[in-house]
Amino acid sequence: MLNRIYFSVCGEGYGHSSRDMAIAGILEKKGVEVLLGSYGYVLERLKSGFKTIEIEREFEMAGNNGYFDLAATISQNKRTVFRFPKIISEEKKILEEFNATCVVADGRTAAVFAAHKLGIPCIIIANQTTIEPFFKDRPLYVRLIGKTLQFTFNNAMKHANLILIPDFPPPDTVCLNTLSKSRDIMKKQKFMGPVVSVNNDPPNPHILPGMEHPFILTILGGHSFRRPIFDSILKVAEKLPDINFIILTKFSNTDQPENVRIIRFADNIAPYMKNAEMIITQAGHSTAMEIMTLGKKGLIIPDKGQVEQETNAARMKELGVCETIDYLSLDPENLFKKIHMLMNGPEFNHKSSRFSETAKKMNGPEKLADIILELSEKYNNF
């Protein structure tokens, strides 16, 4: 029988889809039929290379003056409780019509419950198996809501056959502080190594015509609260005329230094990451894995209020592969010091190279694809 793998992909940010695209591509090369469900701009991204279907979002993150706002997110998603059975039913229908032989849930829980109802094997891909850190030190009513959400989260984990962590095994795990300590969940966890859509082949400087080396890559996007990073980079660039700066952002400036190149849109940022001497960015988990897989030095500036980013940044610093800076200490002088430290610190090169070699040996995408295929084949043989 044909193996048919359904991916249920969270559409909040690019991280989930990046790793799922890497896995789905390998599965297709093995003759597997894949279907990827998502929504919004992530759905449009997936459409470029895969068979897709639109699904309803489970939740939507909210902000306040540019920062992640947990209370606002809870308030905005209150109706999800009443919609959730319908979302599960819709994904159950997709599984039946696609005749799925295995389900991969990445950042979503509805597909897990749908697969359980149909008796289809299900794998969860997650760099976060507890949401308790998000509710710590919050007002009582927020903590009570958090306990309810954690209960649902735990139930989804218990229904899954396996929970695959796209990260280095302990003690080198970046997402260590957002993983559950529950034995029921821990016994299902397997550490796969980084699962990213970029490979760690040698850089090819000729792939970026007109770009002089060395250069520092800054990935910002367009969130307004990241503007101080952009402005500080421009001022630092004036002090480092021998280094080129590429900034991927929607921001603009009419009076930028000659060694700064602003790119408003890049369909594929992998060539920029592979050829950069250093990367300045936020601390999303997939971004962290890309930096470490490529063996790059990183200056990490986590978004304020994003617990996951703050813990990822702290762990990367503990592992010796990056320097961090927060918004309170963000100014051109401090930024210059951090960049100078990274560019001239041989210890960062040694540790970054070690993690890159480990990622290459673990071969996370291939290993994860094989596990998914094995579960699917077992289901077919029943």
Protein backbone atom coordinates (compact mmCIF):
# COMPACT_ATOMS: atom_id res chain seq x y z
CA MET A 1 0.00 0.00 0.00
CA LEU A 2 1.04 3.59 -0.64
CA ASN A 3 2.34 5.55 2.31
CA ARG A 4 0.39 8.79 2.72
CA ILE A 5 1.74 11.25 5.28
CA TYR A 6 -0.30 14.23 6.43
CA PHE A 7 1.49 17.19 8.03
CA SER A 8 -0.53 19.59 10.21
CA VAL A 9 1.64 22.71 10.28
CA CYS A 10 1.34 25.70 12.62
CA GLY A 11 1.25 28.90 10.57
CA GLU A 12 2.58 31.22 13.28
CA GLY A 13 6.06 32.08 12.02
CA TYR A 14 8.24 30.25 9.51
CA GLY A 15 10.01 27.82 11.86
CA HIS A 16 7.49 24.97 11.81
CA SER A 17 7.12 25.00 8.04
CA SER A 18 10.89 25.16 7.44
CA ARG A 19 11.55 21.86 9.19
CA ASP A 20 8.42 20.20 7.80
CA MET A 21 9.42 21.14 4.24
CA ALA A 22 12.82 19.52 4.80
CA ILE A 23 11.21 16.28 6.01
CA ALA A 24 8.44 16.24 3.39
CA GLY A 25 10.99 16.70 0.60
CA ILE A 26 12.93 13.63 1.77
CA LEU A 27 9.73 11.56 2.06
CA GLU A 28 8.68 12.46 -1.48
CA LYS A 29 12.06 11.28 -2.78
CA LYS A 30 11.32 7.94 -1.07
CA GLY A 31 8.08 7.65 -3.06
CA VAL A 32 5.76 8.79 -0.26
CA GLU A 33 2.68 10.91 -0.98
CA VAL A 34 2.55 13.93 1.33
CA LEU A 35 -0.13 16.51 2.09
CA LEU A 36 0.62 19.62 4.13
CA GLY A 37 -2.14 21.53 5.90
CA SER A 38 -1.69 25.09 7.14
CA TYR A 39 -3.04 28.64 6.75
CA GLY A 40 -2.05 32.22 5.97
CA TYR A 41 1.36 33.10 4.55
CA VAL A 42 2.78 29.72 5.60
CA LEU A 43 0.21 27.96 3.42
CA GLU A 44 1.30 30.12 0.47
CA ARG A 45 4.92 29.18 1.18
CA LEU A 46 4.10 25.47 1.25
CA LYS A 47 2.14 25.69 -2.01
CA SER A 48 5.33 26.45 -3.93
CA GLY A 49 6.62 22.90 -3.53
CA PHE A 50 3.97 20.59 -2.11
CA LYS A 51 0.38 19.42 -2.26
CA THR A 52 -1.46 21.48 0.35
CA ILE A 53 -4.81 22.04 2.00
CA GLU A 54 -6.07 24.98 4.02
CA ILE A 55 -6.94 24.37 7.67
CA GLU A 56 -8.24 26.63 10.41
CA ARG A 57 -5.78 28.21 12.83
CA GLU A 58 -5.96 26.97 16.42
CA PHE A 59 -4.75 30.18 18.01
CA GLU A 60 -3.37 33.58 17.11
CA MET A 61 -0.59 35.38 18.95
CA ALA A 62 -1.30 38.96 20.00
CA GLY A 63 0.97 41.83 20.89
CA ASN A 64 0.91 45.13 22.71
CA ASN A 65 3.05 47.92 21.28
CA GLY A 66 5.00 45.35 19.34
CA TYR A 67 5.71 42.98 22.25
CA PHE A 68 4.18 39.56 22.79
CA ASP A 69 1.25 39.94 25.18
CA LEU A 70 0.11 36.72 26.87
CA ALA A 71 -3.05 38.22 28.39
CA ALA A 72 -4.08 39.69 25.03
CA THR A 73 -3.38 36.36 23.33
CA ILE A 74 -5.61 34.54 25.82
CA SER A 75 -8.36 37.12 25.42
CA GLN A 76 -8.17 36.98 21.63
CA ASN A 77 -8.41 33.19 21.57
CA LYS A 78 -11.25 32.67 24.08
CA ARG A 79 -13.58 31.45 21.35
CA THR A 80 -11.12 28.72 20.35
CA VAL A 81 -12.49 26.58 23.19
CA PHE A 82 -15.86 26.47 21.43
CA ARG A 83 -14.39 26.07 17.92
CA PHE A 84 -11.91 23.37 18.83
CA PRO A 85 -14.24 20.34 18.35
CA LYS A 86 -15.05 21.68 14.87
CA ILE A 87 -11.34 22.09 14.05
CA ILE A 88 -10.72 18.48 15.11
CA SER A 89 -13.65 17.27 12.96
CA GLU A 90 -12.33 19.14 9.93
CA GLU A 91 -8.87 17.59 10.27
CA LYS A 92 -10.45 14.16 10.83
CA LYS A 93 -12.28 14.59 7.52
CA ILE A 94 -9.01 15.54 5.79
CA LEU A 95 -7.33 12.39 7.14
CA GLU A 96 -10.20 10.20 5.93
CA GLU A 97 -10.35 11.73 2.45
CA PHE A 98 -6.55 11.63 2.04
CA ASN A 99 -6.49 8.06 3.42
CA ALA A 100 -3.56 9.05 5.65
CA THR A 101 -1.30 6.31 6.98
CA CYS A 102 0.56 8.57 9.43
CA VAL A 103 0.06 12.07 10.84
CA VAL A 104 2.77 14.58 11.69
CA ALA A 105 1.62 17.41 13.97
CA ASP A 106 3.95 20.39 14.28
CA GLY A 107 2.72 23.11 16.61
CA ARG A 108 -0.89 21.89 16.46
CA THR A 109 -2.97 19.60 18.66
CA ALA A 110 -6.22 19.14 16.68
CA ALA A 111 -4.58 16.73 14.25
CA VAL A 112 -3.34 14.61 17.17
CA PHE A 113 -6.87 14.14 18.51
CA ALA A 114 -8.20 13.52 14.98
CA ALA A 115 -5.59 10.82 14.36
CA HIS A 116 -6.36 9.22 17.73
CA LYS A 117 -10.07 9.00 16.86
CA LEU A 118 -9.23 7.21 13.61
CA GLY A 119 -6.53 4.97 15.06
CA ILE A 120 -3.88 6.43 12.74
CA PRO A 121 -0.31 6.68 14.09
CA CYS A 122 0.73 10.21 14.96
CA ILE A 123 4.07 11.88 15.55
CA ILE A 124 4.48 15.24 17.23
CA ILE A 125 7.43 17.41 16.24
CA ALA A 126 8.06 19.89 19.02
CA ASN A 127 10.73 22.05 20.58
CA GLN A 128 8.30 22.82 23.39
CA THR A 129 6.41 20.14 25.31
CA THR A 130 5.26 22.32 28.19
CA ILE A 131 3.71 25.78 28.24
CA GLU A 132 4.19 26.29 31.97
CA PRO A 133 7.08 28.81 31.54
CA PHE A 134 4.68 31.14 29.71
CA PHE A 135 2.41 31.36 32.76
CA LYS A 136 5.01 31.54 35.51
CA ASP A 137 4.89 34.72 37.61
CA ARG A 138 1.63 35.79 35.95
CA PRO A 139 -1.59 36.94 37.66
CA LEU A 140 -3.69 34.19 39.25
CA TYR A 141 -6.41 34.17 36.58
CA VAL A 142 -3.78 33.77 33.84
CA ARG A 143 -2.13 30.89 35.72
CA LEU A 144 -5.51 29.15 36.09
CA ILE A 145 -6.12 29.42 32.35
CA GLY A 146 -2.59 28.15 31.83
CA LYS A 147 -3.32 24.99 33.83
CA THR A 148 -6.34 24.27 31.61
CA LEU A 149 -4.29 24.76 28.46
CA GLN A 150 -1.48 22.61 29.86
CA PHE A 151 -4.00 19.81 30.54
CA THR A 152 -5.09 19.85 26.88
CA PHE A 153 -1.46 20.05 25.78
CA ASN A 154 -0.53 17.03 27.93
CA ASN A 155 -3.46 15.01 26.59
CA ALA A 156 -2.31 15.61 23.03
CA MET A 157 1.20 14.48 23.95
CA LYS A 158 -0.16 11.30 25.55
CA HIS A 159 -2.15 10.43 22.41
CA ALA A 160 0.92 10.68 20.15
CA ASN A 161 3.01 7.61 19.36
CA LEU A 162 6.25 9.59 19.52
CA ILE A 163 7.42 13.11 20.31
CA LEU A 164 10.42 14.00 18.17
CA ILE A 165 12.57 16.90 19.36
CA PRO A 166 14.41 18.67 16.50
CA ASP A 167 17.36 19.62 18.70
CA PHE A 168 20.68 18.33 20.02
CA PRO A 169 20.46 15.68 22.76
CA PRO A 170 21.18 16.69 26.37
CA PRO A 171 23.28 18.29 27.71
CA ASP A 172 23.50 20.38 24.51
CA THR A 173 19.76 20.87 23.99
CA VAL A 174 18.80 24.48 23.23
CA CYS A 175 15.10 24.02 24.05
CA LEU A 176 15.85 22.17 27.31
CA ASN A 177 13.95 24.64 29.51
CA THR A 178 10.73 24.35 27.49
CA LEU A 179 10.55 20.56 27.63
CA SER A 180 8.17 18.79 30.01
CA LYS A 181 9.46 16.99 33.10
CA SER A 182 6.47 14.63 33.06
CA ARG A 183 7.63 11.00 32.81
CA ASP A 184 4.65 10.13 30.58
CA ILE A 185 5.86 12.68 28.05
CA MET A 186 9.60 12.22 28.52
CA LYS A 187 9.44 8.49 27.74
CA LYS A 188 8.03 9.32 24.27
CA GLN A 189 10.68 11.93 23.46
CA LYS A 190 13.51 11.29 21.00
CA PHE A 191 16.16 13.87 20.15
CA MET A 192 16.69 14.01 16.40
CA GLY A 193 19.29 16.72 16.06
CA PRO A 194 18.55 19.94 14.13
CA VAL A 195 15.90 19.62 11.41
CA VAL A 196 16.42 22.57 9.09
CA SER A 197 15.90 23.36 5.42
CA VAL A 198 19.49 24.59 4.97
CA ASN A 199 22.42 22.22 4.60
CA ASN A 200 25.93 22.69 5.92
CA ASP A 201 27.76 22.22 2.64
CA PRO A 202 30.72 24.60 2.19
CA PRO A 203 29.71 28.23 1.48
CA ASN A 204 29.73 29.40 -2.13
CA PRO A 205 30.47 33.15 -2.28
CA HIS A 206 29.70 33.23 -6.03
CA ILE A 207 26.03 32.52 -5.33
CA LEU A 208 25.57 36.14 -4.20
CA PRO A 209 26.75 38.23 -7.17
CA GLY A 210 27.92 41.72 -6.30
CA MET A 211 28.25 40.98 -2.59
CA GLU A 212 31.69 41.56 -1.15
CA HIS A 213 33.05 39.51 1.75
CA PRO A 214 33.25 39.35 4.66
CA PHE A 215 29.72 40.37 5.65
CA ILE A 216 27.50 40.27 8.72
CA LEU A 217 23.91 39.21 8.12
CA THR A 218 21.09 40.77 10.15
CA ILE A 219 17.61 39.22 9.94
CA LEU A 220 14.92 41.57 11.26
CA GLY A 221 11.66 41.29 9.35
CA GLY A 222 9.32 44.22 9.78
CA HIS A 223 8.05 44.29 13.37
CA SER A 224 8.15 47.93 14.43
CA PHE A 225 9.70 47.26 17.84
CA ARG A 226 12.84 45.92 16.11
CA ARG A 227 13.57 49.32 14.61
CA PRO A 228 16.17 50.14 17.33
CA ILE A 229 18.25 47.16 16.13
CA PHE A 230 18.16 48.48 12.57
CA ASP A 231 19.19 52.00 13.59
CA SER A 232 22.00 50.70 15.81
CA ILE A 233 23.36 48.45 13.03
CA LEU A 234 23.62 51.44 10.69
CA LYS A 235 25.65 53.35 13.27
CA VAL A 236 27.91 50.38 14.00
CA ALA A 237 28.53 49.89 10.27
CA GLU A 238 30.09 53.37 10.13
CA LYS A 239 32.70 52.22 12.68
CA LEU A 240 33.49 49.01 10.73
CA PRO A 241 34.10 50.16 7.13
CA ASP A 242 36.04 46.98 6.26
CA ILE A 243 33.03 44.75 7.00
CA ASN A 244 29.91 44.64 4.85
CA PHE A 245 26.44 44.39 6.36
CA ILE A 246 23.38 42.79 4.77
CA ILE A 247 20.10 43.55 6.52
CA LEU A 248 16.98 41.57 5.62
CA THR A 249 14.18 43.88 6.70
CA LYS A 250 11.23 46.01 5.65
CA PHE A 251 12.82 49.07 7.26
CA SER A 252 14.52 51.68 5.09
CA ASN A 253 16.90 54.60 5.50
CA THR A 254 17.85 57.22 2.93
CA ASP A 255 21.25 57.88 4.49
CA GLN A 256 22.86 54.49 5.01
CA PRO A 257 26.61 53.77 5.04
CA GLU A 258 28.21 52.49 1.82
CA ASN A 259 28.98 49.12 3.40
CA VAL A 260 25.31 48.41 4.18
CA ARG A 261 22.97 46.62 1.81
CA ILE A 262 19.27 46.48 2.70
CA ILE A 263 17.20 43.70 1.16
CA ARG A 264 13.46 44.01 1.64
CA PHE A 265 12.58 40.53 0.44
CA ALA A 266 14.52 37.31 -0.12
CA ASP A 267 12.67 34.21 -1.28
CA ASN A 268 15.48 32.05 0.08
CA ILE A 269 17.73 33.34 2.86
CA ALA A 270 19.86 30.17 3.05
CA PRO A 271 22.63 31.48 0.73
CA TYR A 272 22.95 34.60 2.87
CA MET A 273 23.17 32.59 6.08
CA LYS A 274 25.71 30.14 4.65
CA ASN A 275 28.05 32.88 3.38
CA ALA A 276 27.83 35.23 6.38
CA GLU A 277 30.68 35.59 8.85
CA MET A 278 28.18 36.24 11.62
CA ILE A 279 24.40 36.39 12.02
CA ILE A 280 22.42 38.89 14.08
CA THR A 281 18.85 37.78 14.65
CA GLN A 282 16.12 36.81 17.12
CA ALA A 283 15.96 33.53 19.04
CA GLY A 284 13.28 31.43 17.39
CA HIS A 285 14.15 27.75 17.74
CA SER A 286 14.47 27.00 14.02
CA THR A 287 16.74 30.02 13.57
CA ALA A 288 18.90 28.80 16.45
CA MET A 289 19.18 25.37 14.84
CA GLU A 290 20.09 26.90 11.47
CA ILE A 291 22.86 28.99 13.03
CA MET A 292 24.30 26.00 14.89
CA THR A 293 23.97 23.63 11.92
CA LEU A 294 25.89 26.07 9.73
CA GLY A 295 28.50 26.63 12.43
CA LYS A 296 27.95 30.39 12.48
CA LYS A 297 28.64 32.82 15.27
CA GLY A 298 25.46 34.54 16.40
CA LEU A 299 24.47 37.72 18.15
CA ILE A 300 21.01 36.96 19.50
CA ILE A 301 18.52 39.69 20.42
CA PRO A 302 15.37 37.98 21.75
CA ASP A 303 12.03 39.72 21.37
CA LYS A 304 10.98 41.15 24.71
CA GLY A 305 8.26 39.14 26.42
CA GLN A 306 8.81 36.05 24.27
CA VAL A 307 9.63 33.44 26.92
CA GLU A 308 10.71 30.83 24.37
CA GLN A 309 13.10 33.25 22.66
CA GLU A 310 14.55 34.44 25.94
CA THR A 311 15.22 30.87 27.12
CA ASN A 312 16.65 29.86 23.73
CA ALA A 313 19.01 32.85 23.78
CA ALA A 314 20.16 32.06 27.32
CA ARG A 315 20.83 28.42 26.42
CA MET A 316 22.79 29.30 23.27
CA LYS A 317 24.98 31.60 25.34
CA GLU A 318 25.51 28.85 27.94
CA LEU A 319 26.62 26.55 25.12
CA GLY A 320 29.13 29.16 23.97
CA VAL A 321 27.87 29.66 20.41
CA CYS A 322 26.54 33.18 20.69
CA GLU A 323 26.47 36.46 22.52
CA THR A 324 23.18 38.04 23.56
CA ILE A 325 21.90 41.54 24.07
CA ASP A 326 18.49 42.69 25.27
CA TYR A 327 16.50 45.78 24.37
CA LEU A 328 17.35 47.55 27.62
CA SER A 329 21.07 47.50 26.80
CA LEU A 330 20.68 47.89 23.05
CA ASP A 331 22.65 50.87 21.80
CA PRO A 332 25.38 51.33 19.15
CA GLU A 333 28.22 51.16 21.68
CA ASN A 334 27.12 47.87 23.27
CA LEU A 335 26.29 46.41 19.88
CA PHE A 336 29.77 47.31 18.59
CA LYS A 337 31.41 45.62 21.60
CA LYS A 338 29.41 42.42 21.09
CA ILE A 339 30.18 42.28 17.36
CA HIS A 340 33.87 42.92 17.99
CA MET A 341 33.95 40.17 20.64
CA LEU A 342 32.36 37.63 18.30
CA MET A 343 34.44 38.50 15.25
CA ASN A 344 37.69 38.25 17.20
CA GLY A 345 36.92 35.42 19.63
CA PRO A 346 38.46 32.10 18.47
CA GLU A 347 36.54 30.19 21.15
CA PHE A 348 33.29 30.91 19.29
CA ASN A 349 34.72 29.40 16.08
CA HIS A 350 35.71 26.21 17.90
CA LYS A 351 32.35 25.67 19.60
CA SER A 352 30.32 26.60 16.51
CA SER A 353 32.31 24.12 14.41
CA ARG A 354 31.73 21.36 16.97
CA PHE A 355 27.95 21.79 16.86
CA SER A 356 27.98 21.95 13.07
CA GLU A 357 29.82 18.63 12.88
CA THR A 358 27.41 17.07 15.38
CA ALA A 359 24.40 18.26 13.35
CA LYS A 360 25.89 16.80 10.19
CA LYS A 361 26.47 13.41 11.86
CA MET A 362 22.98 13.29 13.38
CA ASN A 363 21.33 14.07 10.02
CA GLY A 364 18.04 15.01 11.68
CA PRO A 365 15.79 15.42 8.61
CA GLU A 366 16.71 12.00 7.18
CA LYS A 367 16.42 10.27 10.55
CA LEU A 368 13.03 11.82 11.25
CA ALA A 369 11.73 10.94 7.78
CA ASP A 370 12.75 7.30 8.33
CA ILE A 371 10.88 7.14 11.66
CA ILE A 372 7.73 8.57 10.08
CA LEU A 373 7.95 6.12 7.19
CA GLU A 374 8.47 3.17 9.55
CA LEU A 375 5.31 4.04 11.51
CA SER A 376 3.35 4.44 8.28
CA GLU A 377 4.49 1.05 6.96
CA LYS A 378 3.56 -0.67 10.23
CA TYR A 379 0.06 0.82 9.93
CA ASN A 380 -0.19 -0.38 6.33
CA ASN A 381 0.81 -3.91 7.34
CA PHE A 382 -1.90 -4.32 9.97
